[in-house]
Amino acid sequence: MNVNVVGKQFDLTDAIKDHISSAISSLEKFNLDIISTRVIITGDEKNGKKGFSVEFVIILPNKNSVIIKQKDKDVYTAIDLASERAQKVLRRHSDKIKEHKAEKLEEVEAQKILEEEKKAFEELADEIIPMELDLYKPTELEEALEKLKESEKQFLVFNDIDNHMRVLYKKDNGKYGLY
């Protein structure tokens, strides 16, 4: 963050600069990537009364600049009040970013579909029984045809003698097909 402190009609002392730097460092806790902060302190004297005007100009990315002006008789009080107001503005902006982070419609729908599938899988988990297939030992076509005729299955997947995966299936007309 770039910090610039300017005194107009006013001499900046080290104590005032330290007070301003501590006020600016308190603005960093909102994690808003502040680009730069400019503090202008002006000494005002009207009708024989002394006063001070403090202006904070905070530049944020993708947002208009935040400008806070504060007047008071004491320069330290003016800095503190301006810092508190700046913290309030930045806190509101930070909360708005956190709360208004909307999810995309596709993400919401995808999340619902995943939850439904998970629920359906949990319901079917008791019904699904994993079985070991006899795919790895070679089977002759005649032997596979006999197995399919004896079972109530619609198809049979097997490896033939040439180690090609084959599918033998029943047709509606009572005959058999082979892939």
Protein backbone atom coordinates (compact mmCIF):
# COMPACT_ATOMS: atom_id res chain seq x y z
CA MET A 1 0.00 0.00 0.00
CA ASN A 2 1.28 3.43 -0.94
CA VAL A 3 0.98 5.99 1.90
CA ASN A 4 1.27 9.72 1.38
CA VAL A 5 1.00 12.24 4.26
CA VAL A 6 0.74 15.94 3.47
CA GLY A 7 0.53 18.92 5.81
CA LYS A 8 -0.99 22.16 4.49
CA GLN A 9 -0.36 25.26 6.59
CA PHE A 10 0.79 22.85 9.23
CA ASP A 11 4.15 21.34 10.21
CA LEU A 12 4.14 17.54 10.53
CA THR A 13 6.03 16.24 13.54
CA ASP A 14 7.33 12.70 13.98
CA ALA A 15 4.72 12.01 16.67
CA ILE A 16 1.89 13.01 14.32
CA LYS A 17 3.39 10.91 11.49
CA ASP A 18 3.59 7.89 13.83
CA HIS A 19 -0.02 8.44 14.94
CA ILE A 20 -1.14 8.58 11.30
CA SER A 21 0.83 5.43 10.37
CA SER A 22 -0.77 3.50 13.25
CA ALA A 23 -4.20 4.73 12.11
CA ILE A 24 -3.50 3.59 8.54
CA SER A 25 -2.15 0.21 9.66
CA SER A 26 -5.48 -0.40 11.44
CA LEU A 27 -7.18 -0.19 8.01
CA GLU A 28 -5.23 -3.17 6.68
CA LYS A 29 -7.11 -5.71 8.82
CA PHE A 30 -10.05 -5.77 6.39
CA ASN A 31 -7.97 -7.42 3.61
CA LEU A 32 -9.29 -5.17 0.85
CA ASP A 33 -6.05 -4.71 -1.11
CA ILE A 34 -5.90 -0.96 -0.54
CA ILE A 35 -3.91 0.55 -3.40
CA SER A 36 -3.00 3.84 -1.73
CA THR A 37 -3.91 6.09 1.15
CA ARG A 38 -3.41 9.80 1.22
CA VAL A 39 -3.75 11.84 4.41
CA ILE A 40 -3.99 15.62 4.17
CA ILE A 41 -3.83 17.64 7.39
CA THR A 42 -4.75 21.30 7.11
CA GLY A 43 -4.36 23.86 9.87
CA ASP A 44 -7.38 26.20 9.92
CA GLU A 45 -7.55 29.47 11.76
CA LYS A 46 -10.83 31.36 11.65
CA ASN A 47 -11.82 34.25 13.90
CA GLY A 48 -8.74 33.67 16.04
CA LYS A 49 -9.67 30.03 16.77
CA LYS A 50 -7.36 27.22 15.75
CA GLY A 51 -8.70 24.02 14.26
CA PHE A 52 -7.52 21.15 12.14
CA SER A 53 -8.99 19.40 9.15
CA VAL A 54 -7.96 15.82 8.35
CA GLU A 55 -8.82 14.20 5.03
CA PHE A 56 -8.31 10.48 4.28
CA VAL A 57 -8.38 9.46 0.60
CA ILE A 58 -8.38 5.66 0.30
CA ILE A 59 -8.16 4.13 -3.16
CA LEU A 60 -9.52 0.58 -3.51
CA PRO A 61 -9.38 -1.65 -6.60
CA ASN A 62 -12.62 -1.90 -8.63
CA LYS A 63 -14.29 0.70 -6.40
CA ASN A 64 -14.53 4.46 -6.24
CA SER A 65 -12.19 6.25 -3.86
CA VAL A 66 -13.26 6.58 -0.24
CA ILE A 67 -12.88 10.16 0.99
CA ILE A 68 -13.34 11.01 4.66
CA LYS A 69 -13.07 14.55 6.03
CA GLN A 70 -12.96 15.36 9.73
CA LYS A 71 -12.54 18.67 11.57
CA ASP A 72 -11.64 19.16 15.20
CA LYS A 73 -9.78 21.51 17.54
CA ASP A 74 -7.15 18.86 18.30
CA VAL A 75 -5.17 17.23 15.47
CA TYR A 76 -4.93 13.85 17.24
CA THR A 77 -8.68 13.74 17.86
CA ALA A 78 -9.35 14.63 14.22
CA ILE A 79 -7.03 11.81 13.07
CA ASP A 80 -8.69 9.30 15.43
CA LEU A 81 -12.23 10.25 14.34
CA ALA A 82 -11.29 10.08 10.65
CA SER A 83 -9.64 6.69 11.21
CA GLU A 84 -12.75 5.33 12.97
CA ARG A 85 -14.98 6.51 10.14
CA ALA A 86 -12.63 4.96 7.58
CA GLN A 87 -12.69 1.66 9.48
CA LYS A 88 -16.49 1.72 9.51
CA VAL A 89 -16.66 2.29 5.74
CA LEU A 90 -14.09 -0.41 4.98
CA ARG A 91 -15.78 -2.90 7.35
CA ARG A 92 -19.10 -2.36 5.56
CA HIS A 93 -17.43 -2.86 2.19
CA SER A 94 -15.64 -6.00 3.41
CA ASP A 95 -18.86 -7.46 4.84
CA LYS A 96 -20.70 -6.70 1.61
CA ILE A 97 -18.10 -8.60 -0.39
CA LYS A 98 -18.23 -11.62 1.95
CA GLU A 99 -22.03 -11.79 2.24
CA HIS A 100 -22.93 -11.09 -1.36
CA LYS A 101 -20.67 -13.66 -2.93
CA ALA A 102 -23.36 -15.42 -4.94
CA GLU A 103 -23.02 -18.94 -6.21
CA LYS A 104 -23.59 -19.57 -9.88
CA LEU A 105 -26.84 -21.28 -10.82
CA GLU A 106 -24.95 -24.15 -12.43
CA GLU A 107 -23.04 -24.77 -9.20
CA VAL A 108 -26.24 -24.85 -7.15
CA GLU A 109 -27.92 -27.26 -9.59
CA ALA A 110 -24.82 -29.46 -9.75
CA GLN A 111 -24.71 -29.60 -5.94
CA LYS A 112 -28.39 -30.66 -5.81
CA ILE A 113 -27.78 -33.39 -8.40
CA LEU A 114 -24.76 -34.69 -6.46
CA GLU A 115 -26.78 -34.82 -3.25
CA GLU A 116 -29.62 -36.70 -4.99
CA GLU A 117 -27.19 -39.20 -6.53
CA LYS A 118 -25.47 -39.73 -3.20
CA LYS A 119 -28.83 -40.34 -1.51
CA ALA A 120 -29.89 -42.76 -4.27
CA PHE A 121 -26.57 -44.61 -4.03
CA GLU A 122 -26.91 -44.94 -0.27
CA GLU A 123 -30.40 -46.43 -0.74
CA LEU A 124 -29.08 -48.91 -3.33
CA ALA A 125 -25.95 -49.78 -1.37
CA ASP A 126 -27.75 -52.58 0.45
CA GLU A 127 -29.10 -54.02 -2.80
CA ILE A 128 -25.86 -54.03 -4.83
CA ILE A 129 -23.70 -57.09 -4.31
CA PRO A 130 -20.32 -57.02 -6.05
CA MET A 131 -19.44 -60.20 -7.94
CA GLU A 132 -16.23 -61.48 -9.51
CA LEU A 133 -16.51 -62.05 -13.25
CA ASP A 134 -15.05 -65.07 -15.00
CA LEU A 135 -13.75 -62.88 -17.81
CA TYR A 136 -10.12 -63.75 -17.48
CA LYS A 137 -10.18 -67.42 -18.34
CA PRO A 138 -10.73 -68.19 -22.03
CA THR A 139 -14.06 -69.82 -22.89
CA GLU A 140 -15.08 -71.55 -26.08
CA LEU A 141 -18.15 -70.27 -27.92
CA GLU A 142 -20.11 -73.51 -27.42
CA GLU A 143 -19.41 -73.47 -23.69
CA ALA A 144 -20.52 -69.83 -23.44
CA LEU A 145 -23.71 -70.64 -25.39
CA GLU A 146 -24.54 -73.48 -22.96
CA LYS A 147 -23.98 -71.16 -19.96
CA LEU A 148 -26.31 -68.55 -21.47
CA LYS A 149 -29.01 -71.14 -22.27
CA GLU A 150 -28.92 -72.51 -18.72
CA SER A 151 -29.16 -69.07 -17.09
CA GLU A 152 -31.93 -66.49 -17.14
CA LYS A 153 -29.51 -63.74 -18.17
CA GLN A 154 -30.00 -61.74 -21.37
CA PHE A 155 -26.30 -61.66 -22.27
CA LEU A 156 -22.95 -63.11 -21.33
CA VAL A 157 -19.56 -61.38 -21.56
CA PHE A 158 -16.53 -63.65 -21.97
CA ASN A 159 -13.04 -63.91 -23.45
CA ASP A 160 -12.76 -66.35 -26.35
CA ILE A 161 -9.81 -68.63 -27.15
CA ASP A 162 -8.09 -65.83 -29.13
CA ASN A 163 -8.34 -63.59 -26.01
CA HIS A 164 -10.92 -61.25 -27.56
CA MET A 165 -13.71 -59.98 -25.35
CA ARG A 166 -17.04 -61.17 -26.74
CA VAL A 167 -20.70 -60.64 -25.87
CA LEU A 168 -23.25 -63.36 -26.49
CA TYR A 169 -26.88 -62.23 -26.21
CA LYS A 170 -30.43 -63.56 -26.57
CA LYS A 171 -32.63 -62.13 -29.32
CA ASP A 172 -36.40 -61.71 -29.09
CA ASN A 173 -37.01 -64.48 -31.66
CA GLY A 174 -35.22 -67.06 -29.49
CA LYS A 175 -31.96 -67.01 -31.43
CA TYR A 176 -28.58 -65.77 -30.20
CA GLY A 177 -26.27 -62.95 -31.34
CA LEU A 178 -22.52 -62.53 -30.91
CA TYR A 179 -20.37 -59.42 -30.77
